[in-house]
Amino acid sequence: MSPVIRNSFAIVVFLLTTNFCSAQDNDAPVKENDYTAKQNPNPFRILTSGKQVAIKSSKVIKTIIVWTASGHRIIEQKDVNASSYSFRINANEKLFFVMLQLSDGKVYSEKIGIQ
C-alpha cells in the first residue's frame, strides 16, 4: 500500500471515530445531588485562623471528629450539643478532615487546610 493511500486511510478513520465519539452527553439529565447541593448548602461553616478552627452551625452539633491527611485522629468529641465548637490544632500537618453529625442525624465531612 502506498504511503499516500495509507495516510489518507488513517485520516478518514480518525475523522470517522472523532465524529462518532463524544466526550460528554449534552442531553444528560441534571443529577439530584448536583441540584440539591446548589439549592441546599451545608448548614455549617468552618472558619480557620492559623491553627485555630471554629465551626458554626445552624443546627445542633452532636459529634465532631477531626483527623489528619495521614489518618491520625486528633479530635473525637461526642455529645457536643451546641451550635458552635472551636478548637486548636497542635499537629504539624496542613490538611485535615472534619466530620460532623448534626441533630437531624445527617453526617457531613469536609477537607480543610491549615497554615
Protein backbone atom coordinates (compact mmCIF):
# COMPACT_ATOMS: atom_id res chain seq x y z
CA MET A 1 0.00 0.00 0.00
CA SER A 2 1.43 3.36 -0.96
CA PRO A 3 2.13 5.96 1.74
CA VAL A 4 -0.41 8.41 0.26
CA ILE A 5 -3.25 5.87 0.43
CA ARG A 6 -2.19 4.74 3.92
CA ASN A 7 -2.14 8.34 5.22
CA SER A 8 -5.49 9.10 3.57
CA PHE A 9 -7.00 5.98 5.10
CA ALA A 10 -5.65 6.95 8.54
CA ILE A 11 -7.14 10.44 8.24
CA VAL A 12 -10.56 9.07 7.21
CA VAL A 13 -10.57 6.59 10.11
CA PHE A 14 -9.57 9.36 12.53
CA LEU A 15 -12.31 11.70 11.30
CA LEU A 16 -14.96 9.00 11.48
CA THR A 17 -14.03 7.97 15.03
CA THR A 18 -13.99 11.57 16.30
CA ASN A 19 -17.36 12.17 14.66
CA PHE A 20 -19.00 9.20 16.41
CA CYS A 21 -17.31 9.64 19.78
CA SER A 22 -18.23 12.41 22.17
CA ALA A 23 -16.68 13.30 25.49
CA GLN A 24 -19.92 14.27 27.20
CA ASP A 25 -23.60 13.78 26.58
CA ASN A 26 -25.22 17.19 26.18
CA ASP A 27 -28.68 15.80 26.95
CA ALA A 28 -27.66 14.24 30.26
CA PRO A 29 -30.20 15.00 32.99
CA VAL A 30 -29.14 17.04 35.99
CA LYS A 31 -28.30 14.74 38.86
CA GLU A 32 -30.31 15.21 42.01
CA ASN A 33 -27.13 15.63 44.08
CA ASP A 34 -25.88 18.45 41.84
CA TYR A 35 -29.18 20.29 42.13
CA THR A 36 -29.60 19.84 45.87
CA ALA A 37 -26.01 20.84 46.54
CA LYS A 38 -26.63 24.16 44.80
CA GLN A 39 -30.01 24.69 46.47
CA ASN A 40 -29.14 23.45 49.96
CA PRO A 41 -25.64 24.45 51.06
CA ASN A 42 -24.19 22.84 54.16
CA PRO A 43 -25.86 24.03 57.36
CA PHE A 44 -22.47 24.80 58.88
CA ARG A 45 -19.34 26.86 58.25
CA ILE A 46 -15.77 26.02 59.16
CA LEU A 47 -13.60 29.06 59.85
CA THR A 48 -9.83 28.86 60.27
CA SER A 49 -7.34 31.38 61.58
CA GLY A 50 -3.86 29.93 61.80
CA LYS A 51 -4.24 26.74 63.83
CA GLN A 52 -7.49 27.89 65.44
CA VAL A 53 -10.63 26.32 63.95
CA ALA A 54 -14.21 27.37 64.63
CA ILE A 55 -17.31 25.52 63.45
CA LYS A 56 -20.61 27.37 63.42
CA SER A 57 -23.82 25.56 62.54
CA SER A 58 -27.46 26.48 62.08
CA LYS A 59 -28.33 23.12 63.70
CA VAL A 60 -27.11 21.49 66.90
CA ILE A 61 -23.81 19.63 66.51
CA LYS A 62 -23.86 16.15 68.05
CA THR A 63 -20.45 14.71 67.12
CA ILE A 64 -17.18 16.10 65.75
CA ILE A 65 -14.26 14.02 64.53
CA VAL A 66 -11.10 15.59 63.09
CA TRP A 67 -8.27 13.59 61.58
CA THR A 68 -5.10 14.33 59.64
CA ALA A 69 -4.50 13.51 55.99
CA SER A 70 -2.22 10.69 57.17
CA GLY A 71 -5.09 9.16 59.16
CA HIS A 72 -4.31 10.18 62.75
CA ARG A 73 -7.40 11.12 64.70
CA ILE A 74 -6.78 14.29 66.67
CA ILE A 75 -10.28 15.14 67.96
CA GLU A 76 -13.26 12.94 68.69
CA GLN A 77 -15.92 14.77 70.63
CA LYS A 78 -19.31 13.12 71.17
CA ASP A 79 -22.39 14.77 72.68
CA VAL A 80 -21.28 18.31 71.83
CA ASN A 81 -24.92 19.53 71.87
CA ALA A 82 -24.04 23.07 70.76
CA SER A 83 -24.36 25.09 67.57
CA SER A 84 -20.71 26.15 67.63
CA TYR A 85 -17.43 24.48 68.53
CA SER A 86 -13.85 25.72 68.41
CA PHE A 87 -10.52 24.03 68.90
CA ARG A 88 -6.80 24.48 68.30
CA ILE A 89 -4.82 22.04 66.16
CA ASN A 90 -1.46 21.01 67.59
CA ALA A 91 -0.38 18.76 64.71
CA ASN A 92 2.25 19.86 62.18
CA GLU A 93 0.25 18.82 59.12
CA LYS A 94 -1.51 21.09 56.65
CA LEU A 95 -4.57 19.06 55.58
CA PHE A 96 -7.30 17.80 57.88
CA PHE A 97 -10.70 16.21 57.53
CA VAL A 98 -13.69 17.18 59.66
CA MET A 99 -16.76 15.01 60.13
CA LEU A 100 -19.86 16.46 61.76
CA GLN A 101 -23.05 14.74 62.81
CA LEU A 102 -25.89 17.17 63.35
CA SER A 103 -29.05 16.86 65.42
CA ASP A 104 -31.10 15.80 62.39
CA GLY A 105 -28.88 12.70 62.05
CA LYS A 106 -27.14 13.81 58.86
CA VAL A 107 -23.37 13.37 58.65
CA TYR A 108 -21.16 15.81 56.76
CA SER A 109 -17.45 15.70 56.05
CA GLU A 110 -15.15 18.36 54.69
CA LYS A 111 -11.46 18.80 53.96
CA ILE A 112 -9.78 21.88 55.44
CA GLY A 113 -6.33 23.37 55.13
CA ILE A 114 -4.38 24.94 57.98
CA GLN A 115 -1.43 27.28 57.62
